Protein backbone atom coordinates (compact mmCIF):
# COMPACT_ATOMS: atom_id res chain seq x y z
CA MET A 1 -0.11 -0.07 -0.08
CA ASN A 2 3.05 2.12 0.85
CA GLU A 3 4.14 2.04 -2.73
CA LYS A 4 0.70 2.29 -4.62
CA LEU A 5 0.44 5.31 -2.86
CA PHE A 6 3.94 6.76 -3.38
CA PHE A 7 3.05 6.48 -7.09
CA ILE A 8 0.33 7.98 -7.43
CA ILE A 9 1.83 10.76 -6.44
CA ASN A 10 4.71 10.63 -7.74
CA HIS A 11 3.52 9.16 -10.98
CA LEU A 12 3.89 12.84 -12.50
CA ALA A 13 6.90 14.07 -10.89
CA GLY A 14 9.43 15.02 -14.51
CA LYS A 15 6.62 15.40 -16.62
CA ASN A 16 6.04 18.72 -15.86
CA HIS A 17 7.81 21.59 -15.39
CA ILE A 18 6.45 24.10 -13.00
CA LEU A 19 4.80 21.00 -11.09
CA ASP A 20 8.11 19.94 -10.56
CA LEU A 21 9.63 23.63 -9.57
CA LEU A 22 6.86 24.36 -7.50
CA ALA A 23 6.86 20.54 -5.59
CA ILE A 24 10.77 20.94 -5.35
CA SER A 25 10.31 24.44 -3.68
CA LEU A 26 7.56 22.99 -1.21
CA ALA A 27 9.52 20.17 -0.60
CA LYS A 28 12.55 22.48 0.48
CA GLY A 29 11.80 25.94 1.33
CA MET A 30 8.52 25.26 3.36
CA PRO A 31 10.87 24.66 6.74
CA TYR A 32 12.44 27.97 6.45
CA PHE A 33 9.19 29.24 5.64
CA PHE A 34 8.47 27.72 8.95
CA ILE A 35 11.45 29.32 10.33
CA LEU A 36 10.50 32.55 9.39
CA VAL A 37 6.97 32.72 11.47
CA GLU A 38 8.47 31.36 14.56
CA VAL A 39 11.08 34.09 14.23
CA TYR A 40 8.12 36.59 13.52
CA LEU A 41 6.00 35.32 16.39
CA TYR A 42 9.82 35.69 18.96
CA PHE A 43 10.21 39.56 17.28
CA ILE A 44 7.67 41.43 15.90
CA SER A 45 4.43 40.51 16.68
CA LYS A 46 5.60 39.78 20.66
CA HIS A 47 4.18 35.87 20.78
CA LYS A 48 6.96 35.14 22.13
CA LYS A 49 5.29 32.15 24.18
CA GLU A 50 3.98 30.93 21.47
CA ALA A 51 6.91 30.63 19.25
CA LEU A 52 8.59 29.14 22.13
CA PHE A 53 6.47 26.46 22.59
CA ALA A 54 6.71 25.51 19.12
CA PHE A 55 10.02 25.83 19.03
CA TYR A 56 10.02 23.21 22.31
CA SER A 57 8.00 20.57 20.40
CA VAL A 58 9.97 20.68 17.56
CA ILE A 59 12.75 20.31 19.86
CA ILE A 60 11.24 17.09 21.52
CA ALA A 61 9.40 15.06 18.43
CA LEU A 62 13.35 15.54 15.90
CA LEU A 63 14.67 14.24 19.25
CA VAL A 64 11.56 11.27 19.05
CA SER A 65 12.23 11.23 15.14
CA PHE A 66 16.55 10.48 15.82
CA LEU A 67 15.38 7.89 18.24
CA ILE A 68 13.17 6.09 16.13
CA SER A 69 15.39 5.82 13.10
CA LEU A 70 17.91 4.56 14.86
CA VAL A 71 16.28 1.59 15.78
CA TYR A 72 14.21 0.96 12.52
CA VAL A 73 15.70 2.02 9.35
CA HIS A 74 13.76 2.12 6.20
CA ASN A 75 15.07 3.05 2.39
CA ARG A 76 13.78 5.69 0.33
CA PRO A 77 12.15 5.04 -2.25
CA PHE A 78 14.89 5.56 -4.70
CA MET A 79 17.18 3.54 -2.87
CA ASP A 80 14.54 0.82 -3.81
CA ASN A 81 14.85 2.07 -7.60
CA LEU A 82 11.22 3.25 -7.81
CA GLY A 83 9.82 6.03 -8.83
CA VAL A 84 11.45 9.66 -10.37
CA ALA A 85 13.93 11.17 -7.73
CA LEU A 86 13.96 15.29 -8.33
CA ILE A 87 16.08 16.51 -5.54
CA HIS A 88 19.23 14.16 -4.27
CA HIS A 89 18.46 13.16 -0.38
CA LYS A 90 21.67 11.29 1.61
CA ALA A 91 20.58 7.31 1.37
CA ASP A 92 19.52 6.98 4.53
CA THR A 93 16.73 5.81 6.69
CA SER A 94 13.21 7.52 5.54
CA PHE A 95 11.17 6.98 8.55
CA PRO A 96 9.79 9.09 9.93
CA SER A 97 10.37 11.94 7.26
CA ASP A 98 12.53 15.08 9.71
CA HIS A 99 10.96 17.89 7.29
CA THR A 100 7.32 16.38 8.02
CA THR A 101 8.12 15.93 11.76
CA PHE A 102 9.44 19.40 12.21
CA LEU A 103 6.21 21.05 9.74
CA PHE A 104 4.06 19.46 11.92
CA ALA A 105 4.99 19.83 14.99
CA ILE A 106 5.04 23.55 14.69
CA ALA A 107 1.74 23.87 13.05
CA TRP A 108 0.39 21.60 15.96
CA SER A 109 1.23 23.82 18.51
CA PHE A 110 0.23 26.54 16.67
CA MET A 111 -3.65 24.80 17.04
CA PHE A 112 -3.17 23.91 20.90
CA PHE A 113 -1.77 26.93 21.49
CA ARG A 114 -4.32 28.63 19.53
CA VAL A 115 -2.10 30.71 17.06
CA ARG A 116 -3.98 32.72 14.60
CA PHE A 117 -4.00 30.73 11.26
CA TRP A 118 -3.18 27.89 12.88
CA SER A 119 -5.42 26.12 10.26
CA LEU A 120 -3.54 27.43 7.66
CA PHE A 121 -0.13 25.97 9.16
CA LEU A 122 -1.54 22.88 8.83
CA ILE A 123 -2.20 22.49 4.92
CA LEU A 124 0.99 24.58 4.32
CA ALA A 125 2.54 21.39 6.50
CA LEU A 126 0.94 18.78 4.62
CA PHE A 127 1.69 20.23 1.32
CA GLY A 128 5.79 19.89 2.26
CA GLY A 129 5.08 16.54 3.05
CA LEU A 130 3.24 15.24 0.09
CA ALA A 131 6.15 17.44 -2.03
CA ARG A 132 9.04 15.31 -0.39
CA ILE A 133 6.43 12.21 -1.83
CA TYR A 134 6.96 13.87 -5.33
CA VAL A 135 10.46 14.39 -5.53
CA GLY A 136 10.75 11.30 -4.83
CA VAL A 137 11.97 11.19 -1.31
CA HIS A 138 9.73 9.56 0.85
CA TYR A 139 7.30 7.72 1.41
CA PRO A 140 3.56 8.27 1.98
CA PHE A 141 4.26 6.31 5.40
CA ASP A 142 7.35 8.91 6.25
CA ILE A 143 5.32 11.37 5.86
CA LEU A 144 2.48 9.76 7.96
CA GLY A 145 4.58 8.63 10.37
CA GLY A 146 5.97 12.64 10.94
CA ILE A 147 1.99 13.73 11.13
CA VAL A 148 2.09 12.07 14.44
CA ILE A 149 5.47 12.29 15.63
CA GLY A 150 4.75 15.89 14.90
CA LEU A 151 1.66 15.74 17.15
CA VAL A 152 2.99 14.16 19.41
CA GLY A 153 5.93 16.69 20.11
CA ALA A 154 3.53 19.16 19.93
CA GLY A 155 1.04 17.39 22.73
CA LEU A 156 3.91 16.46 24.88
CA ILE A 157 4.51 21.03 25.46
CA TYR A 158 1.18 21.60 25.33
CA VAL A 159 0.56 18.99 28.40
CA PHE A 160 3.15 19.57 30.32
CA ARG A 161 2.75 23.70 29.41
CA GLU A 162 3.11 24.91 32.64
CA LYS A 163 6.61 23.51 33.40
CA PHE A 164 7.53 25.17 30.35
CA GLU A 165 6.23 28.80 31.11
CA LYS A 166 8.99 28.75 33.86
CA LEU A 167 11.35 28.67 30.66
CA ASN A 168 10.15 30.59 29.06
CA GLU A 169 10.40 33.46 31.35
CA ILE A 170 14.37 32.10 31.70
CA VAL A 171 14.94 32.64 27.64
CA ILE A 172 12.38 36.09 27.64
CA LYS A 173 14.66 36.96 30.28
CA ILE A 174 18.06 36.11 29.13
CA GLU A 175 17.00 37.96 25.58
CA ASN A 176 16.10 40.98 27.62
CA LYS A 177 19.26 41.67 28.41
CA ILE A 178 21.08 40.56 24.70
CA PHE A 179 18.93 42.96 22.97
């Protein structure tokens, strides 16, 4: 089923230059866009706590992702000679997708902490994950794993938000002394 879903999305790769450029841009660029949003929330719109909670969510989610990758190795599609790879990627384990984990940790955190336009970020995160399939570096279940692990990271921060409030105070106090 994973391979069938992969082919449904990836079979368009290499057939339309504009669609390929869009997918490559989303696959590579979406994390940078989310970082810019985080910087905007923290420094410009003064939603420091929400930005910090999203940052902590990313750290927890990527830690979980890293631990999974130590015990479960899964080839990327191009390593199995499947589909069309539009971007170069290191031949390492593909499950879960770190890009998708990163995007969804932020998007879920925005949902939990009621950041304005949170639903848009969930949609953008999904497009970023689907683009990773389109460009041939992930299977759909890798993306699904990233979605779930991002939810776990953001969910843990939300559940223990009172504990992280103290860390927020320290970070904001240090930032105030620096700037």
